[in-house]
C-alpha atoms as a PDB file:
ATOM      1  CA  MET A   1    -221.868  31.731 -42.529  1.00  0.00           C
ATOM      2  CA  PRO A   2    -225.653  29.981 -42.340  1.00  0.00           C
ATOM      3  CA  VAL A   3    -226.888  31.386 -39.018  1.00  0.00           C
ATOM      4  CA  LYS A   4    -226.580  35.680 -38.454  1.00  0.00           C
ATOM      5  CA  SER A   5    -224.211  34.809 -34.819  1.00  0.00           C
ATOM      6  CA  TRP A   6    -224.870  38.094 -32.765  1.00  0.00           C
ATOM      7  CA  ALA A   7    -223.733  36.811 -28.966  1.00  0.00           C
ATOM      8  CA  ASN A   8    -219.551  36.892 -29.513  1.00  0.00           C
ATOM      9  CA  SER A   9    -220.061  40.317 -30.896  1.00  0.00           C
ATOM     10  CA  ALA A  10    -220.823  41.981 -27.570  1.00  0.00           C
ATOM     11  CA  LYS A  11    -218.618  42.826 -25.030  1.00  0.00           C
ATOM     12  CA  THR A  12    -219.926  41.993 -22.084  1.00  0.00           C
ATOM     13  CA  LEU A  13    -222.211  39.179 -22.564  1.00  0.00           C
ATOM     14  CA  LYS A  14    -225.564  37.895 -21.123  1.00  0.00           C
ATOM     15  CA  THR A  15    -225.474  33.962 -20.850  1.00  0.00           C
ATOM     16  CA  LEU A  16    -227.267  33.119 -24.087  1.00  0.00           C
ATOM     17  CA  LEU A  17    -230.472  30.517 -23.456  1.00  0.00           C
ATOM     18  CA  VAL A  18    -232.084  29.095 -27.069  1.00  0.00           C
ATOM     19  CA  THR A  19    -234.801  27.329 -26.945  1.00  0.00           C
ATOM     20  CA  ASP A  20    -236.461  24.970 -28.765  1.00  0.00           C
ATOM     21  CA  THR A  21    -240.689  25.027 -29.165  1.00  0.00           C
ATOM     22  CA  ASN A  22    -241.618  22.755 -26.203  1.00  0.00           C
ATOM     23  CA  ILE A  23    -239.833  25.360 -23.956  1.00  0.00           C
ATOM     24  CA  LEU A  24    -242.475  28.212 -25.364  1.00  0.00           C
ATOM     25  CA  ILE A  25    -245.181  26.011 -25.736  1.00  0.00           C
ATOM     26  CA  ASP A  26    -245.002  25.465 -21.840  1.00  0.00           C
ATOM     27  CA  LEU A  27    -244.757  29.001 -21.072  1.00  0.00           C
ATOM     28  CA  LEU A  28    -247.410  29.823 -23.538  1.00  0.00           C
ATOM     29  CA  THR A  29    -249.848  27.214 -22.219  1.00  0.00           C
ATOM     30  CA  ALA A  30    -249.489  28.852 -18.264  1.00  0.00           C
ATOM     31  CA  ASN A  31    -249.705  32.275 -19.797  1.00  0.00           C
ATOM     32  CA  LEU A  32    -246.095  32.853 -18.499  1.00  0.00           C
ATOM     33  CA  GLU A  33    -244.006  33.436 -21.582  1.00  0.00           C
ATOM     34  CA  GLY A  34    -243.079  37.160 -20.553  1.00  0.00           C
ATOM     35  CA  MET A  35    -241.312  35.947 -17.406  1.00  0.00           C
ATOM     36  CA  LEU A  36    -238.511  34.365 -19.631  1.00  0.00           C
ATOM     37  CA  PHE A  37    -237.133  37.676 -20.676  1.00  0.00           C
ATOM     38  CA  GLN A  38    -237.179  38.413 -17.207  1.00  0.00           C
ATOM     39  CA  ILE A  39    -234.383  36.139 -16.188  1.00  0.00           C
ATOM     40  CA  GLY A  40    -231.422  38.526 -17.204  1.00  0.00           C
ATOM     41  CA  ALA A  41    -230.479  36.081 -19.973  1.00  0.00           C
ATOM     42  CA  GLU A  42    -230.547  36.579 -24.112  1.00  0.00           C
ATOM     43  CA  ILE A  43    -232.886  34.727 -25.114  1.00  0.00           C
ATOM     44  CA  CYS A  44    -232.764  32.884 -28.738  1.00  0.00           C
ATOM     45  CA  THR A  45    -234.692  30.688 -30.807  1.00  0.00           C
ATOM     46  CA  THR A  46    -234.856  29.894 -34.252  1.00  0.00           C
ATOM     47  CA  ASP A  47    -236.968  30.447 -37.752  1.00  0.00           C
ATOM     48  CA  PHE A  48    -237.661  26.741 -37.505  1.00  0.00           C
ATOM     49  CA  VAL A  49    -238.990  26.642 -34.099  1.00  0.00           C
ATOM     50  CA  MET A  50    -241.085  29.386 -34.255  1.00  0.00           C
ATOM     51  CA  GLY A  51    -242.685  27.558 -37.376  1.00  0.00           C
ATOM     52  CA  GLU A  52    -243.459  24.991 -35.180  1.00  0.00           C
ATOM     53  CA  LEU A  53    -245.729  27.680 -33.223  1.00  0.00           C
ATOM     54  CA  THR A  54    -248.989  26.070 -34.741  1.00  0.00           C
ATOM     55  CA  GLN A  55    -251.871  28.136 -33.115  1.00  0.00           C
ATOM     56  CA  THR A  56    -251.968  32.085 -34.452  1.00  0.00           C
ATOM     57  CA  ASP A  57    -252.481  33.091 -31.022  1.00  0.00           C
ATOM     58  CA  GLU A  58    -248.867  31.190 -29.852  1.00  0.00           C
ATOM     59  CA  ARG A  59    -247.023  32.811 -32.915  1.00  0.00           C
ATOM     60  CA  THR A  60    -248.785  36.211 -32.751  1.00  0.00           C
ATOM     61  CA  ARG A  61    -247.712  36.458 -28.621  1.00  0.00           C
ATOM     62  CA  MET A  62    -244.147  35.118 -29.260  1.00  0.00           C
ATOM     63  CA  GLU A  63    -243.906  37.881 -32.138  1.00  0.00           C
ATOM     64  CA  LYS A  64    -244.488  40.781 -29.326  1.00  0.00           C
ATOM     65  CA  PHE A  65    -240.945  39.715 -28.257  1.00  0.00           C
ATOM     66  CA  VAL A  66    -239.388  39.409 -30.666  1.00  0.00           C
ATOM     67  CA  GLU A  67    -240.656  43.333 -32.147  1.00  0.00           C
ATOM     68  CA  ALA A  68    -239.072  44.101 -28.977  1.00  0.00           C
ATOM     69  CA  GLY A  69    -236.416  43.218 -29.439  1.00  0.00           C
ATOM     70  CA  LEU A  70    -236.418  40.940 -26.864  1.00  0.00           C
ATOM     71  CA  LEU A  71    -236.574  37.363 -28.361  1.00  0.00           C
ATOM     72  CA  ARG A  72    -233.754  36.682 -30.848  1.00  0.00           C
ATOM     73  CA  VAL A  73    -234.890  34.153 -34.247  1.00  0.00           C
ATOM     74  CA  MET A  74    -232.004  32.976 -36.223  1.00  0.00           C
ATOM     75  CA  SER A  75    -232.706  32.674 -39.507  1.00  0.00           C
ATOM     76  CA  PHE A  76    -231.158  30.049 -42.012  1.00  0.00           C
ATOM     77  CA  GLU A  77    -230.719  31.062 -45.384  1.00  0.00           C
ATOM     78  CA  ASP A  78    -229.197  27.095 -46.020  1.00  0.00           C
ATOM     79  CA  VAL A  79    -230.724  24.181 -44.227  1.00  0.00           C
ATOM     80  CA  GLU A  80    -227.691  21.677 -45.298  1.00  0.00           C
ATOM     81  CA  PRO A  81    -225.165  22.638 -41.896  1.00  0.00           C
ATOM     82  CA  ILE A  82    -228.139  22.151 -40.330  1.00  0.00           C
ATOM     83  CA  LEU A  83    -229.120  18.720 -41.871  1.00  0.00           C
ATOM     84  CA  ALA A  84    -225.317  17.832 -41.802  1.00  0.00           C
ATOM     85  CA  LEU A  85    -225.174  18.002 -37.769  1.00  0.00           C
ATOM     86  CA  PRO A  86    -223.470  15.298 -36.814  1.00  0.00           C
ATOM     87  CA  VAL A  87    -226.612  13.578 -33.986  1.00  0.00           C
ATOM     88  CA  LYS A  88    -227.114  10.119 -32.563  1.00  0.00           C
ATOM     89  CA  ARG A  89    -230.642  10.304 -32.368  1.00  0.00           C
ATOM     90  CA  ALA A  90    -231.292  10.590 -36.278  1.00  0.00           C
ATOM     91  CA  LYS A  91    -235.383  11.287 -35.548  1.00  0.00           C
ATOM     92  CA  LEU A  92    -234.504  15.121 -34.385  1.00  0.00           C
ATOM     93  CA  LYS A  93    -237.027  17.349 -36.160  1.00  0.00           C
ATOM     94  CA  ILE A  94    -235.463  20.288 -38.067  1.00  0.00           C
ATOM     95  CA  ALA A  95    -236.678  22.588 -35.380  1.00  0.00           C
ATOM     96  CA  ASP A  96    -234.819  20.278 -32.589  1.00  0.00           C
ATOM     97  CA  ARG A  97    -231.869  20.595 -34.410  1.00  0.00           C
ATOM     98  CA  SER A  98    -231.646  24.014 -35.027  1.00  0.00           C
ATOM     99  CA  ALA A  99    -232.118  25.042 -31.873  1.00  0.00           C
ATOM    100  CA  LEU A 100    -228.786  22.360 -31.309  1.00  0.00           C
ATOM    101  CA  PHE A 101    -226.849  23.981 -33.692  1.00  0.00           C
ATOM    102  CA  VAL A 102    -227.369  27.364 -32.950  1.00  0.00           C
ATOM    103  CA  ALA A 103    -226.057  26.433 -29.344  1.00  0.00           C
ATOM    104  CA  ILE A 104    -223.486  24.593 -30.615  1.00  0.00           C
ATOM    105  CA  GLN A 105    -222.135  27.792 -32.755  1.00  0.00           C
ATOM    106  CA  GLU A 106    -222.932  30.486 -29.647  1.00  0.00           C
ATOM    107  CA  GLN A 107    -221.707  28.056 -26.920  1.00  0.00           C
ATOM    108  CA  ALA A 108    -225.231  29.044 -25.138  1.00  0.00           C
ATOM    109  CA  ILE A 109    -227.378  27.430 -22.726  1.00  0.00           C
ATOM    110  CA  LEU A 110    -230.004  24.623 -24.495  1.00  0.00           C
ATOM    111  CA  LEU A 111    -233.427  24.899 -23.513  1.00  0.00           C
ATOM    112  CA  THR A 112    -235.479  21.730 -23.853  1.00  0.00           C
ATOM    113  CA  GLY A 113    -238.078  19.430 -22.553  1.00  0.00           C
ATOM    114  CA  ASP A 114    -236.963  16.760 -24.995  1.00  0.00           C
ATOM    115  CA  ASN A 115    -234.767  14.499 -23.855  1.00  0.00           C
ATOM    116  CA  PRO A 116    -233.152  13.137 -26.972  1.00  0.00           C
ATOM    117  CA  LEU A 117    -232.397  16.802 -27.779  1.00  0.00           C
ATOM    118  CA  LYS A 118    -230.878  17.423 -24.370  1.00  0.00           C
ATOM    119  CA  GLN A 119    -229.002  14.081 -24.179  1.00  0.00           C
ATOM    120  CA  GLU A 120    -227.345  15.559 -27.707  1.00  0.00           C
ATOM    121  CA  SER A 121    -226.769  19.009 -26.126  1.00  0.00           C
ATOM    122  CA  LEU A 122    -224.675  17.401 -23.435  1.00  0.00           C
ATOM    123  CA  GLU A 123    -222.662  14.783 -25.866  1.00  0.00           C
ATOM    124  CA  ASN A 124    -221.493  18.702 -27.254  1.00  0.00           C
ATOM    125  CA  GLY A 125    -220.702  19.400 -24.405  1.00  0.00           C
ATOM    126  CA  LEU A 126    -223.244  22.190 -23.656  1.00  0.00           C
ATOM    127  CA  GLU A 127    -225.428  22.781 -20.570  1.00  0.00           C
ATOM    128  CA  ALA A 128    -229.225  21.831 -21.007  1.00  0.00           C
ATOM    129  CA  HIS A 129    -232.170  22.479 -19.668  1.00  0.00           C
ATOM    130  CA  GLY A 130    -235.723  22.365 -18.875  1.00  0.00           C
ATOM    131  CA  SER A 131    -238.977  23.451 -17.521  1.00  0.00           C
ATOM    132  CA  ILE A 132    -238.287  22.830 -14.103  1.00  0.00           C
ATOM    133  CA  TRP A 133    -235.017  24.420 -13.896  1.00  0.00           C
ATOM    134  CA  LEU A 134    -236.373  27.434 -15.880  1.00  0.00           C
ATOM    135  CA  PHE A 135    -239.211  27.508 -13.139  1.00  0.00           C
ATOM    136  CA  ASP A 136    -236.527  27.667 -10.517  1.00  0.00           C
ATOM    137  CA  LYS A 137    -234.993  30.701 -11.897  1.00  0.00           C
ATOM    138  CA  PHE A 138    -238.593  32.187 -11.761  1.00  0.00           C
ATOM    139  CA  VAL A 139    -239.322  31.290  -8.518  1.00  0.00           C
ATOM    140  CA  VAL A 140    -235.200  32.822  -7.377  1.00  0.00           C
ATOM    141  CA  LYS A 141    -235.969  35.718  -9.375  1.00  0.00           C
ATOM    142  CA  GLY A 142    -239.399  36.293  -7.310  1.00  0.00           C
ATOM    143  CA  LEU A 143    -241.404  36.357 -10.660  1.00  0.00           C
ATOM    144  CA  ILE A 144    -243.528  33.368  -9.506  1.00  0.00           C
ATOM    145  CA  THR A 145    -244.315  32.038  -5.933  1.00  0.00           C
ATOM    146  CA  PRO A 146    -243.374  28.169  -5.069  1.00  0.00           C
ATOM    147  CA  SER A 147    -246.430  27.054  -4.730  1.00  0.00           C
ATOM    148  CA  SER A 148    -247.456  28.874  -8.293  1.00  0.00           C
ATOM    149  CA  ALA A 149    -244.491  27.238  -9.742  1.00  0.00           C
ATOM    150  CA  TYR A 150    -245.693  23.877  -8.581  1.00  0.00           C
ATOM    151  CA  GLN A 151    -249.097  24.069  -9.604  1.00  0.00           C
ATOM    152  CA  VAL A 152    -247.836  25.005 -13.321  1.00  0.00           C
ATOM    153  CA  LEU A 153    -245.450  22.538 -13.253  1.00  0.00           C
ATOM    154  CA  GLU A 154    -248.262  19.655 -12.653  1.00  0.00           C
ATOM    155  CA  ASN A 155    -250.524  20.801 -14.963  1.00  0.00           C
ATOM    156  CA  ILE A 156    -248.022  20.638 -17.630  1.00  0.00           C
ATOM    157  CA  THR A 157    -247.966  16.909 -16.471  1.00  0.00           C
ATOM    158  CA  THR A 158    -251.413  15.990 -16.204  1.00  0.00           C
ATOM    159  CA  THR A 159    -252.851  17.811 -18.752  1.00  0.00           C
ATOM    160  CA  GLY A 160    -251.049  15.488 -21.168  1.00  0.00           C
ATOM    161  CA  GLN A 161    -249.318  18.739 -22.211  1.00  0.00           C
ATOM    162  CA  ARG A 162    -246.008  17.267 -21.610  1.00  0.00           C
ATOM    163  CA  TRP A 163    -245.152  14.315 -19.055  1.00  0.00           C
ATOM    164  CA  ILE A 164    -242.217  15.925 -16.830  1.00  0.00           C
ATOM    165  CA  LYS A 165    -240.909  13.276 -13.662  1.00  0.00           C
ATOM    166  CA  LYS A 166    -242.818  13.979 -10.730  1.00  0.00           C
ATOM    167  CA  GLU A 167    -239.921  13.026  -8.636  1.00  0.00           C
ATOM    168  CA  LEU A 168    -238.298  15.862 -10.257  1.00  0.00           C
ATOM    169  CA  ILE A 169    -241.446  18.463  -9.465  1.00  0.00           C
ATOM    170  CA  ASP A 170    -240.884  17.043  -6.088  1.00  0.00           C
ATOM    171  CA  GLY A 171    -237.356  17.704  -5.566  1.00  0.00           C
ATOM    172  CA  PHE A 172    -238.293  21.173  -6.677  1.00  0.00           C
ATOM    173  CA  ALA A 173    -241.060  20.883  -4.299  1.00  0.00           C
ATOM    174  CA  VAL A 174    -238.291  20.165  -1.269  1.00  0.00           C
ATOM    175  CA  LYS A 175    -236.205  22.877  -2.273  1.00  0.00           C
ATOM    176  CA  TRP A 176    -238.994  25.480  -2.483  1.00  0.00           C
ATOM    177  CA  ASN A 177    -240.014  24.232   1.524  1.00  0.00           C
ATOM    178  CA  LEU A 178    -243.268  23.093  -0.266  1.00  0.00           C
ATOM    179  CA  LYS A 179    -242.698  19.336   0.684  1.00  0.00           C
ATOM    180  CA  LYS A 180    -240.499  17.721   3.125  1.00  0.00           C
END
């Protein structure tokens, strides 16, 4: 078997979330990566995703969660099954494909801000969500105020780090009673 399975071995399973690189970078940039591990879900990524954290500080910060047993990193002995995964969007990087592969294998929710990866996930019958959904979980759990969540999402977009549709952010601002 190309990846070490762990989620299906437990009798009582928490929701498994498999995260890609851009979700981790969004959280790291906002210094909110610790919140990911406070939403009541098992969090997983792959060694290829971790490899995309190119700044030493980013990788070091995430490795602390690995060492604490909060972040599971699936390692691949062989990339052939990942590369053989049938996808419609040929430009998906190996890190994206690896996250999709694990999500499919474990029937997990995929966390991604990458629309092509999100579409592949949905076409494979999986649930897929981005940063806005995750920040909504943070708000619901009381980990961050609605106004802080809104500001962070706005900053992600305005700093050019990543583009999130303004209408989506504003939709959650209405849900969080920040806008009418």
